Structures are given as structure tokens and as C-alpha cells.
N, C-alpha and C. Protein backbone atom coordinates (compact mmCIF):
# COMPACT_ATOMS: atom_id res chain seq x y z
N MET A 1 0.37 6.79 21.66
CA MET A 1 0.94 6.26 20.72
C MET A 1 0.67 6.59 19.38
N LYS A 2 1.71 7.11 18.51
CA LYS A 2 1.38 7.93 17.22
C LYS A 2 2.24 6.79 16.26
N TYR A 3 1.60 6.56 15.07
CA TYR A 3 2.26 5.81 14.16
C TYR A 3 2.91 6.89 13.00
N THR A 4 3.98 6.67 12.58
CA THR A 4 4.43 7.34 11.50
C THR A 4 5.06 6.61 10.53
N PRO A 5 5.43 6.97 9.43
CA PRO A 5 6.23 5.99 8.25
C PRO A 5 7.45 5.53 8.90
N GLY A 6 8.03 6.26 9.74
CA GLY A 6 9.05 5.78 10.40
C GLY A 6 9.13 4.78 11.72
N GLY A 7 7.85 4.80 12.07
CA GLY A 7 7.81 3.97 13.42
C GLY A 7 6.72 4.45 14.19
N PHE A 8 6.93 4.00 15.23
CA PHE A 8 5.85 4.43 16.57
C PHE A 8 6.78 5.35 17.34
N LEU A 9 5.81 6.48 17.62
CA LEU A 9 6.39 7.59 18.45
C LEU A 9 5.80 7.63 19.95
N GLY A 10 6.31 7.68 20.92
CA GLY A 10 5.95 8.06 22.19
C GLY A 10 4.92 7.11 22.66
N GLY A 11 4.98 6.87 24.05
CA GLY A 11 4.28 5.69 24.78
C GLY A 11 4.69 4.38 24.57
N LYS A 12 3.60 3.24 25.24
CA LYS A 12 4.15 2.13 24.96
C LYS A 12 3.49 1.50 23.94
N VAL A 13 4.20 0.66 23.08
CA VAL A 13 3.73 0.06 21.98
C VAL A 13 2.47 -0.98 22.31
N LYS A 14 1.59 -0.81 21.88
CA LYS A 14 0.35 -1.64 22.35
C LYS A 14 0.48 -3.06 21.35
N GLU A 15 0.55 -4.10 22.16
CA GLU A 15 0.90 -5.33 21.11
C GLU A 15 -0.42 -5.51 20.28
N GLU A 16 -1.51 -5.40 20.51
CA GLU A 16 -2.63 -5.62 19.87
C GLU A 16 -2.63 -4.54 18.44
N ASP A 17 -2.24 -3.37 18.71
CA ASP A 17 -2.04 -2.32 17.65
C ASP A 17 -1.04 -2.79 16.58
N PHE A 18 0.11 -3.27 17.32
CA PHE A 18 1.19 -3.26 16.30
C PHE A 18 1.00 -4.70 15.83
N ASP A 19 0.32 -5.75 16.22
CA ASP A 19 -0.12 -6.88 15.42
C ASP A 19 -0.99 -6.59 14.51
N ASP A 20 -2.01 -5.61 14.21
CA ASP A 20 -2.85 -5.35 13.48
C ASP A 20 -2.10 -4.54 12.40
N LEU A 21 -1.16 -3.67 13.04
CA LEU A 21 -0.32 -3.14 11.82
C LEU A 21 0.49 -3.99 10.83
N LEU A 22 1.14 -4.62 11.57
CA LEU A 22 1.73 -6.03 10.82
C LEU A 22 1.08 -6.89 9.92
N ASN A 23 -0.15 -7.24 10.23
CA ASN A 23 -1.15 -7.67 9.41
C ASN A 23 -1.63 -6.91 8.13
N SER A 24 -1.92 -5.72 8.47
CA SER A 24 -2.24 -4.89 7.60
C SER A 24 -1.15 -4.70 6.19
N TYR A 25 0.06 -4.72 6.71
CA TYR A 25 1.20 -4.77 5.80
C TYR A 25 1.27 -6.07 4.94
N GLY A 26 0.89 -7.11 5.83
CA GLY A 26 1.03 -8.64 5.10
C GLY A 26 0.04 -8.58 4.04
N ILE A 27 -1.33 -8.30 4.31
CA ILE A 27 -2.21 -8.03 3.44
C ILE A 27 -1.95 -7.47 2.01
N GLU A 28 -1.12 -6.28 2.22
CA GLU A 28 -0.39 -5.70 1.22
C GLU A 28 0.41 -6.25 0.43
N GLY A 29 0.85 -7.35 0.89
CA GLY A 29 2.03 -8.19 0.25
C GLY A 29 3.54 -7.94 0.59
N TRP A 30 3.54 -7.19 1.83
CA TRP A 30 4.71 -7.00 2.39
C TRP A 30 5.19 -8.20 3.42
N GLU A 31 6.55 -8.59 3.43
CA GLU A 31 6.80 -9.90 4.18
C GLU A 31 7.78 -9.23 5.44
N LEU A 32 7.42 -9.63 6.59
CA LEU A 32 8.32 -8.93 7.71
C LEU A 32 9.71 -9.84 7.53
N VAL A 33 10.86 -9.23 7.53
CA VAL A 33 11.92 -9.88 7.48
C VAL A 33 12.56 -9.64 8.78
N SER A 34 12.77 -8.57 9.36
CA SER A 34 13.33 -8.40 10.91
C SER A 34 12.61 -7.48 11.70
N CYS A 35 12.66 -7.69 12.98
CA CYS A 35 12.06 -6.70 13.81
C CYS A 35 12.78 -6.64 15.17
N PHE A 36 13.17 -5.50 15.69
CA PHE A 36 13.87 -5.33 16.93
C PHE A 36 13.63 -3.83 17.27
N ASP A 37 14.03 -3.96 18.70
CA ASP A 37 13.73 -2.46 19.23
C ASP A 37 14.91 -1.83 19.58
N THR A 38 14.97 -0.61 19.74
CA THR A 38 16.31 0.29 20.21
C THR A 38 16.16 0.64 21.48
N SER A 39 17.48 0.22 22.37
CA SER A 39 17.55 0.18 23.64
C SER A 39 17.47 1.57 24.00
N TYR A 40 16.71 1.87 25.16
CA TYR A 40 16.56 3.32 25.87
C TYR A 40 17.25 3.20 27.26
N GLY A 41 17.42 1.99 27.90
CA GLY A 41 17.97 1.77 29.09
C GLY A 41 17.09 1.20 29.87
N GLN A 42 17.91 0.51 31.03
CA GLN A 42 17.11 -0.34 31.92
C GLN A 42 15.99 -1.23 31.40
N GLY A 43 15.97 -1.78 30.22
CA GLY A 43 15.00 -2.61 29.92
C GLY A 43 13.74 -2.05 29.14
N GLN A 44 14.10 -0.77 28.95
CA GLN A 44 13.00 -0.09 28.01
C GLN A 44 13.48 0.00 26.70
N SER A 45 12.42 0.32 25.65
CA SER A 45 12.75 0.20 24.34
C SER A 45 12.32 2.03 24.06
N ARG A 46 12.96 2.22 23.06
CA ARG A 46 12.56 3.82 22.46
C ARG A 46 11.56 3.61 21.43
N GLU A 47 12.15 2.77 20.39
CA GLU A 47 11.39 2.59 19.08
C GLU A 47 11.53 0.93 18.88
N VAL A 48 10.46 0.62 18.06
CA VAL A 48 10.48 -0.82 17.36
C VAL A 48 10.52 -0.43 15.71
N ILE A 49 11.61 -1.29 15.39
CA ILE A 49 11.87 -1.11 13.89
C ILE A 49 11.75 -2.34 13.22
N ALA A 50 10.65 -2.17 12.38
CA ALA A 50 10.19 -3.52 11.56
C ALA A 50 10.89 -3.27 9.86
N VAL A 51 11.41 -4.23 9.38
CA VAL A 51 12.28 -4.27 8.15
C VAL A 51 11.19 -5.28 7.41
N PHE A 52 10.70 -4.84 6.34
CA PHE A 52 9.81 -5.47 5.42
C PHE A 52 10.30 -5.55 3.91
N LYS A 53 9.94 -6.39 3.22
CA LYS A 53 10.14 -6.62 1.62
C LYS A 53 9.09 -7.08 1.08
N ARG A 54 9.19 -6.80 -0.42
CA ARG A 54 7.99 -7.27 -1.24
C ARG A 54 8.61 -7.19 -2.75
N LYS A 55 7.86 -8.24 -3.50
CA LYS A 55 8.47 -7.94 -4.97
C LYS A 55 7.86 -6.61 -5.62
N VAL A 56 8.60 -6.11 -6.55
CA VAL A 56 7.98 -4.93 -7.16
C VAL A 56 7.21 -5.23 -8.83
């Protein structure tokens, strides 16, 4: 699995890695607003999309 500024690409998202990434954004002051996956079919996900906000 590879992380890009647009999200994760390829492979299965590892929950621990994803949790660590979300926590690192939290440390930087980002607040998670929404998180959802895009349907690939038959219960599989193509990407995980996380929306964040923070004061400027």
C-alpha cells in the first residue's frame, strides 16, 4: 500500500497504518470531519477518503 496526498493506492488498507496516519494529522491540528470508502464492487473498497479541517 502506498500513501499519496490524494489517499492510499493499491492493496488493502491496514487499519493500524491508517489509524497512525489519522493520529499524525490530529497532532498537526487537523480534525477529521468525514471518512468513507468508494465502492469497488462486491463489498470491496477502492479508496478511503478522509476529509479534514483546521483553523488557518
